[in-house]
């Protein structure tokens, strides 16, 4: 299991947090997601044999937010 801390740019409300959380939880191999609005950050625990950080960033971007 691995943990990634990903900066999420563009979140402005609880709805944004829910959208990012839902997008990340839809990825096969994601075990836990914590998204912090004020910090602009998502902490994701995932199974490295099923997904990777680039895939996590891609689903965040597909949900309409930027990452770095």
PDB file of N, CA and C in Angstrom:
ATOM      1  N   UNK A   1       0.849  -1.186   0.000  1.00  0.00           N
ATOM      2  CA  UNK A   1       0.000   0.000   0.000  1.00  0.00           C
ATOM      3  C   UNK A   1       0.887   1.239   0.000  1.00  0.00           C
ATOM      4  N   UNK A   2       0.466   2.239  -0.731  1.00  0.00           N
ATOM      5  CA  UNK A   2       1.194   3.502  -0.808  1.00  0.00           C
ATOM      6  C   UNK A   2       0.244   4.642  -0.471  1.00  0.00           C
ATOM      7  N   UNK A   3       0.839   5.771  -0.089  1.00  0.00           N
ATOM      8  CA  UNK A   3       0.061   6.974   0.197  1.00  0.00           C
ATOM      9  C   UNK A   3       0.598   8.116  -0.655  1.00  0.00           C
ATOM     10  N   UNK A   4      -0.310   8.819  -1.318  1.00  0.00           N
ATOM     11  CA  UNK A   4       0.063   9.981  -2.128  1.00  0.00           C
ATOM     12  C   UNK A   4      -0.648  11.209  -1.593  1.00  0.00           C
ATOM     13  N   UNK A   5       0.078  12.317  -1.538  1.00  0.00           N
ATOM     14  CA  UNK A   5      -0.506  13.606  -1.184  1.00  0.00           C
ATOM     15  C   UNK A   5      -0.458  14.449  -2.455  1.00  0.00           C
ATOM     16  N   UNK A   6      -1.644  14.767  -2.983  1.00  0.00           N
ATOM     17  CA  UNK A   6      -1.739  15.452  -4.271  1.00  0.00           C
ATOM     18  C   UNK A   6      -2.378  16.820  -4.077  1.00  0.00           C
ATOM     19  N   UNK A   7      -1.710  17.862  -4.565  1.00  0.00           N
ATOM     20  CA  UNK A   7      -2.292  19.201  -4.530  1.00  0.00           C
ATOM     21  C   UNK A   7      -3.416  19.274  -5.556  1.00  0.00           C
ATOM     22  N   UNK A   8      -4.563  19.812  -5.118  1.00  0.00           N
ATOM     23  CA  UNK A   8      -5.719  19.954  -6.004  1.00  0.00           C
ATOM     24  C   UNK A   8      -6.044  21.440  -6.098  1.00  0.00           C
ATOM     25  N   UNK A   9      -5.962  21.985  -7.299  1.00  0.00           N
ATOM     26  CA  UNK A   9      -6.145  23.414  -7.515  1.00  0.00           C
ATOM     27  C   UNK A   9      -7.527  23.664  -8.103  1.00  0.00           C
ATOM     28  N   UNK A  10      -8.248  24.607  -7.519  1.00  0.00           N
ATOM     29  CA  UNK A  10      -9.534  24.996  -8.076  1.00  0.00           C
ATOM     30  C   UNK A  10     -10.740  24.606  -7.247  1.00  0.00           C
ATOM     31  N   UNK A  11     -10.518  23.935  -6.106  1.00  0.00           N
ATOM     32  CA  UNK A  11     -11.653  23.589  -5.247  1.00  0.00           C
ATOM     33  C   UNK A  11     -12.090  24.826  -4.477  1.00  0.00           C
ATOM     34  N   UNK A  12     -13.406  25.093  -4.459  1.00  0.00           N
ATOM     35  CA  UNK A  12     -13.907  26.283  -3.775  1.00  0.00           C
ATOM     36  C   UNK A  12     -14.997  26.000  -2.752  1.00  0.00           C
ATOM     37  N   UNK A  13     -15.499  24.746  -2.716  1.00  0.00           N
ATOM     38  CA  UNK A  13     -16.618  24.454  -1.816  1.00  0.00           C
ATOM     39  C   UNK A  13     -16.688  22.965  -1.497  1.00  0.00           C
ATOM     40  N   UNK A  14     -17.638  22.619  -0.650  1.00  0.00           N
ATOM     41  CA  UNK A  14     -17.833  21.230  -0.281  1.00  0.00           C
ATOM     42  C   UNK A  14     -18.211  20.351  -1.456  1.00  0.00           C
ATOM     43  N   UNK A  15     -18.916  20.929  -2.423  1.00  0.00           N
ATOM     44  CA  UNK A  15     -19.264  20.174  -3.622  1.00  0.00           C
ATOM     45  C   UNK A  15     -18.027  19.760  -4.400  1.00  0.00           C
ATOM     46  N   UNK A  16     -17.036  20.634  -4.408  1.00  0.00           N
ATOM     47  CA  UNK A  16     -15.773  20.317  -5.075  1.00  0.00           C
ATOM     48  C   UNK A  16     -15.082  19.152  -4.370  1.00  0.00           C
ATOM     49  N   UNK A  17     -15.073  19.206  -3.045  1.00  0.00           N
ATOM     50  CA  UNK A  17     -14.473  18.129  -2.251  1.00  0.00           C
ATOM     51  C   UNK A  17     -15.169  16.810  -2.572  1.00  0.00           C
ATOM     52  N   UNK A  18     -16.498  16.839  -2.624  1.00  0.00           N
ATOM     53  CA  UNK A  18     -17.252  15.622  -2.930  1.00  0.00           C
ATOM     54  C   UNK A  18     -16.936  15.100  -4.326  1.00  0.00           C
ATOM     55  N   UNK A  19     -16.803  15.999  -5.289  1.00  0.00           N
ATOM     56  CA  UNK A  19     -16.510  15.588  -6.663  1.00  0.00           C
ATOM     57  C   UNK A  19     -15.140  14.924  -6.758  1.00  0.00           C
ATOM     58  N   UNK A  20     -14.141  15.507  -6.099  1.00  0.00           N
ATOM     59  CA  UNK A  20     -12.792  14.940  -6.127  1.00  0.00           C
ATOM     60  C   UNK A  20     -12.778  13.603  -5.389  1.00  0.00           C
ATOM     61  N   UNK A  21     -13.440  13.553  -4.241  1.00  0.00           N
ATOM     62  CA  UNK A  21     -13.498  12.311  -3.467  1.00  0.00           C
ATOM     63  C   UNK A  21     -14.144  11.199  -4.286  1.00  0.00           C
ATOM     64  N   UNK A  22     -15.264  11.496  -4.911  1.00  0.00           N
ATOM     65  CA  UNK A  22     -15.984  10.499  -5.710  1.00  0.00           C
ATOM     66  C   UNK A  22     -15.124  10.020  -6.878  1.00  0.00           C
ATOM     67  N   UNK A  23     -14.453  10.953  -7.542  1.00  0.00           N
ATOM     68  CA  UNK A  23     -13.604  10.590  -8.680  1.00  0.00           C
ATOM     69  C   UNK A  23     -12.481   9.651  -8.244  1.00  0.00           C
ATOM     70  N   UNK A  24     -11.831   9.984  -7.135  1.00  0.00           N
ATOM     71  CA  UNK A  24     -10.726   9.149  -6.665  1.00  0.00           C
ATOM     72  C   UNK A  24     -11.202   7.779  -6.198  1.00  0.00           C
ATOM     73  N   UNK A  25     -12.338   7.744  -5.507  1.00  0.00           N
ATOM     74  CA  UNK A  25     -12.849   6.459  -5.015  1.00  0.00           C
ATOM     75  C   UNK A  25     -13.292   5.540  -6.148  1.00  0.00           C
ATOM     76  N   UNK A  26     -13.521   6.094  -7.334  1.00  0.00           N
ATOM     77  CA  UNK A  26     -13.938   5.275  -8.473  1.00  0.00           C
ATOM     78  C   UNK A  26     -12.772   4.500  -9.088  1.00  0.00           C
ATOM     79  N   UNK A  27     -11.553   4.837  -8.699  1.00  0.00           N
ATOM     80  CA  UNK A  27     -10.367   4.193  -9.269  1.00  0.00           C
ATOM     81  C   UNK A  27     -10.128   2.850  -8.578  1.00  0.00           C
ATOM     82  N   UNK A  28      -9.996   1.795  -9.374  1.00  0.00           N
ATOM     83  CA  UNK A  28      -9.702   0.474  -8.828  1.00  0.00           C
ATOM     84  C   UNK A  28      -8.349   0.511  -8.118  1.00  0.00           C
ATOM     85  N   UNK A  29      -8.318   0.065  -6.886  1.00  0.00           N
ATOM     86  CA  UNK A  29      -7.084   0.048  -6.115  1.00  0.00           C
ATOM     87  C   UNK A  29      -7.000   1.144  -5.074  1.00  0.00           C
ATOM     88  N   UNK A  30      -7.900   2.124  -5.131  1.00  0.00           N
ATOM     89  CA  UNK A  30      -7.913   3.180  -4.118  1.00  0.00           C
ATOM     90  C   UNK A  30      -8.590   2.636  -2.866  1.00  0.00           C
ATOM     91  N   UNK A  31      -7.888   2.751  -1.738  1.00  0.00           N
ATOM     92  CA  UNK A  31      -8.369   2.194  -0.481  1.00  0.00           C
ATOM     93  C   UNK A  31      -8.978   3.238   0.436  1.00  0.00           C
ATOM     94  N   UNK A  32      -8.429   4.458   0.426  1.00  0.00           N
ATOM     95  CA  UNK A  32      -8.940   5.517   1.297  1.00  0.00           C
ATOM     96  C   UNK A  32      -8.642   6.868   0.666  1.00  0.00           C
ATOM     97  N   UNK A  33      -9.561   7.816   0.855  1.00  0.00           N
ATOM     98  CA  UNK A  33      -9.406   9.164   0.299  1.00  0.00           C
ATOM     99  C   UNK A  33      -9.791  10.179   1.362  1.00  0.00           C
ATOM    100  N   UNK A  34      -8.944  11.181   1.565  1.00  0.00           N
ATOM    101  CA  UNK A  34      -9.246  12.323   2.423  1.00  0.00           C
ATOM    102  C   UNK A  34      -8.931  13.576   1.605  1.00  0.00           C
ATOM    103  N   UNK A  35      -9.933  14.417   1.394  1.00  0.00           N
ATOM    104  CA  UNK A  35      -9.734  15.644   0.620  1.00  0.00           C
ATOM    105  C   UNK A  35      -9.977  16.834   1.537  1.00  0.00           C
ATOM    106  N   UNK A  36      -8.996  17.746   1.594  1.00  0.00           N
ATOM    107  CA  UNK A  36      -9.082  18.919   2.461  1.00  0.00           C
ATOM    108  C   UNK A  36      -9.237  20.171   1.600  1.00  0.00           C
ATOM    109  N   UNK A  37     -10.376  20.846   1.763  1.00  0.00           N
ATOM    110  CA  UNK A  37     -10.669  22.043   0.977  1.00  0.00           C
ATOM    111  C   UNK A  37      -9.669  23.157   1.265  1.00  0.00           C
ATOM    112  N   UNK A  38      -9.485  23.490   2.548  1.00  0.00           N
ATOM    113  CA  UNK A  38      -8.621  24.626   2.905  1.00  0.00           C
ATOM    114  C   UNK A  38      -7.176  24.396   2.501  1.00  0.00           C
ATOM    115  N   UNK A  39      -6.707  23.166   2.630  1.00  0.00           N
ATOM    116  CA  UNK A  39      -5.322  22.853   2.260  1.00  0.00           C
ATOM    117  C   UNK A  39      -5.179  22.645   0.755  1.00  0.00           C
ATOM    118  N   UNK A  40      -6.302  22.414   0.068  1.00  0.00           N
ATOM    119  CA  UNK A  40      -6.242  22.144  -1.362  1.00  0.00           C
ATOM    120  C   UNK A  40      -5.458  20.881  -1.655  1.00  0.00           C
ATOM    121  N   UNK A  41      -5.749  19.843  -0.892  1.00  0.00           N
ATOM    122  CA  UNK A  41      -4.944  18.636  -0.979  1.00  0.00           C
ATOM    123  C   UNK A  41      -5.787  17.376  -0.836  1.00  0.00           C
ATOM    124  N   UNK A  42      -5.409  16.350  -1.568  1.00  0.00           N
ATOM    125  CA  UNK A  42      -6.025  15.030  -1.436  1.00  0.00           C
ATOM    126  C   UNK A  42      -4.958  14.059  -0.955  1.00  0.00           C
ATOM    127  N   UNK A  43      -5.281  13.305   0.078  1.00  0.00           N
ATOM    128  CA  UNK A  43      -4.413  12.245   0.561  1.00  0.00           C
ATOM    129  C   UNK A  43      -5.081  10.929   0.186  1.00  0.00           C
ATOM    130  N   UNK A  44      -4.362  10.108  -0.557  1.00  0.00           N
ATOM    131  CA  UNK A  44      -4.946   8.891  -1.112  1.00  0.00           C
ATOM    132  C   UNK A  44      -4.079   7.689  -0.751  1.00  0.00           C
ATOM    133  N   UNK A  45      -4.707   6.682  -0.156  1.00  0.00           N
ATOM    134  CA  UNK A  45      -4.033   5.407   0.069  1.00  0.00           C
ATOM    135  C   UNK A  45      -4.477   4.476  -1.044  1.00  0.00           C
ATOM    136  N   UNK A  46      -3.514   3.807  -1.680  1.00  0.00           N
ATOM    137  CA  UNK A  46      -3.847   2.972  -2.827  1.00  0.00           C
ATOM    138  C   UNK A  46      -2.914   1.772  -2.942  1.00  0.00           C
ATOM    139  N   UNK A  47      -3.393   0.785  -3.670  1.00  0.00           N
ATOM    140  CA  UNK A  47      -2.644  -0.431  -3.956  1.00  0.00           C
ATOM    141  C   UNK A  47      -1.811  -0.171  -5.211  1.00  0.00           C
ATOM    142  N   UNK A  48      -0.488  -0.155  -5.040  1.00  0.00           N
ATOM    143  CA  UNK A  48       0.413   0.161  -6.155  1.00  0.00           C
ATOM    144  C   UNK A  48       0.351  -0.855  -7.295  1.00  0.00           C
ATOM    145  N   UNK A  49      -0.163  -2.041  -7.027  1.00  0.00           N
ATOM    146  CA  UNK A  49      -0.257  -3.042  -8.091  1.00  0.00           C
ATOM    147  C   UNK A  49      -1.467  -2.799  -8.994  1.00  0.00           C
ATOM    148  N   UNK A  50      -2.370  -1.893  -8.573  1.00  0.00           N
ATOM    149  CA  UNK A  50      -3.584  -1.634  -9.346  1.00  0.00           C
ATOM    150  C   UNK A  50      -3.654  -0.236  -9.947  1.00  0.00           C
ATOM    151  N   UNK A  51      -2.969   0.739  -9.348  1.00  0.00           N
ATOM    152  CA  UNK A  51      -3.012   2.109  -9.865  1.00  0.00           C
ATOM    153  C   UNK A  51      -1.735   2.837  -9.471  1.00  0.00           C
ATOM    154  N   UNK A  52      -1.577   4.053  -9.957  1.00  0.00           N
ATOM    155  CA  UNK A  52      -0.403   4.856  -9.616  1.00  0.00           C
ATOM    156  C   UNK A  52      -0.790   6.335  -9.523  1.00  0.00           C
ATOM    157  N   UNK A  53       0.172   7.141  -9.114  1.00  0.00           N
ATOM    158  CA  UNK A  53      -0.097   8.561  -8.885  1.00  0.00           C
ATOM    159  C   UNK A  53      -0.545   9.258 -10.172  1.00  0.00           C
ATOM    160  N   UNK A  54       0.034   8.895 -11.292  1.00  0.00           N
ATOM    161  CA  UNK A  54      -0.364   9.560 -12.541  1.00  0.00           C
ATOM    162  C   UNK A  54      -1.830   9.289 -12.869  1.00  0.00           C
ATOM    163  N   UNK A  55      -2.324   8.095 -12.582  1.00  0.00           N
ATOM    164  CA  UNK A  55      -3.740   7.788 -12.812  1.00  0.00           C
ATOM    165  C   UNK A  55      -4.613   8.587 -11.853  1.00  0.00           C
ATOM    166  N   UNK A  56      -4.180   8.720 -10.603  1.00  0.00           N
ATOM    167  CA  UNK A  56      -4.944   9.492  -9.621  1.00  0.00           C
ATOM    168  C   UNK A  56      -5.055  10.949 -10.063  1.00  0.00           C
ATOM    169  N   UNK A  57      -3.944  11.516 -10.522  1.00  0.00           N
ATOM    170  CA  UNK A  57      -3.963  12.898 -11.005  1.00  0.00           C
ATOM    171  C   UNK A  57      -4.861  13.036 -12.227  1.00  0.00           C
ATOM    172  N   UNK A  58      -4.834  12.036 -13.092  1.00  0.00           N
ATOM    173  CA  UNK A  58      -5.656  12.083 -14.301  1.00  0.00           C
ATOM    174  C   UNK A  58      -7.148  12.139 -13.963  1.00  0.00           C
ATOM    175  N   UNK A  59      -7.598  11.336 -12.992  1.00  0.00           N
ATOM    176  CA  UNK A  59      -9.033  11.354 -12.667  1.00  0.00           C
ATOM    177  C   UNK A  59      -9.427  12.663 -11.989  1.00  0.00           C
ATOM    178  N   UNK A  60      -8.517  13.269 -11.225  1.00  0.00           N
ATOM    179  CA  UNK A  60      -8.795  14.580 -10.629  1.00  0.00           C
ATOM    180  C   UNK A  60      -8.967  15.615 -11.741  1.00  0.00           C
ATOM    181  N   UNK A  61      -8.077  15.569 -12.725  1.00  0.00           N
ATOM    182  CA  UNK A  61      -8.152  16.511 -13.839  1.00  0.00           C
ATOM    183  C   UNK A  61      -9.402  16.278 -14.684  1.00  0.00           C
ATOM    184  N   UNK A  62      -9.799  15.013 -14.854  1.00  0.00           N
ATOM    185  CA  UNK A  62     -11.026  14.711 -15.597  1.00  0.00           C
ATOM    186  C   UNK A  62     -12.259  15.236 -14.860  1.00  0.00           C
ATOM    187  N   UNK A  63     -12.153  15.363 -13.526  1.00  0.00           N
ATOM    188  CA  UNK A  63     -13.260  15.903 -12.725  1.00  0.00           C
ATOM    189  C   UNK A  63     -13.311  17.430 -12.801  1.00  0.00           C
ATOM    190  N   UNK A  64     -12.303  18.048 -13.451  1.00  0.00           N
ATOM    191  CA  UNK A  64     -12.330  19.490 -13.664  1.00  0.00           C
ATOM    192  C   UNK A  64     -11.407  20.309 -12.788  1.00  0.00           C
ATOM    193  N   UNK A  65     -10.431  19.664 -12.158  1.00  0.00           N
ATOM    194  CA  UNK A  65      -9.509  20.371 -11.261  1.00  0.00           C
ATOM    195  C   UNK A  65      -8.086  20.149 -11.738  1.00  0.00           C
ATOM    196  N   UNK A  66      -7.204  21.066 -11.369  1.00  0.00           N
ATOM    197  CA  UNK A  66      -5.802  20.957 -11.746  1.00  0.00           C
ATOM    198  C   UNK A  66      -5.008  20.328 -10.609  1.00  0.00           C
ATOM    199  N   UNK A  67      -3.908  19.673 -10.981  1.00  0.00           N
ATOM    200  CA  UNK A  67      -2.978  19.114  -9.999  1.00  0.00           C
ATOM    201  C   UNK A  67      -1.585  19.604 -10.349  1.00  0.00           C
ATOM    202  N   UNK A  68      -0.668  19.437  -9.420  1.00  0.00           N
ATOM    203  CA  UNK A  68       0.724  19.761  -9.758  1.00  0.00           C
ATOM    204  C   UNK A  68       1.658  18.765  -9.148  1.00  0.00           C
TER     205      UNK A  68
END
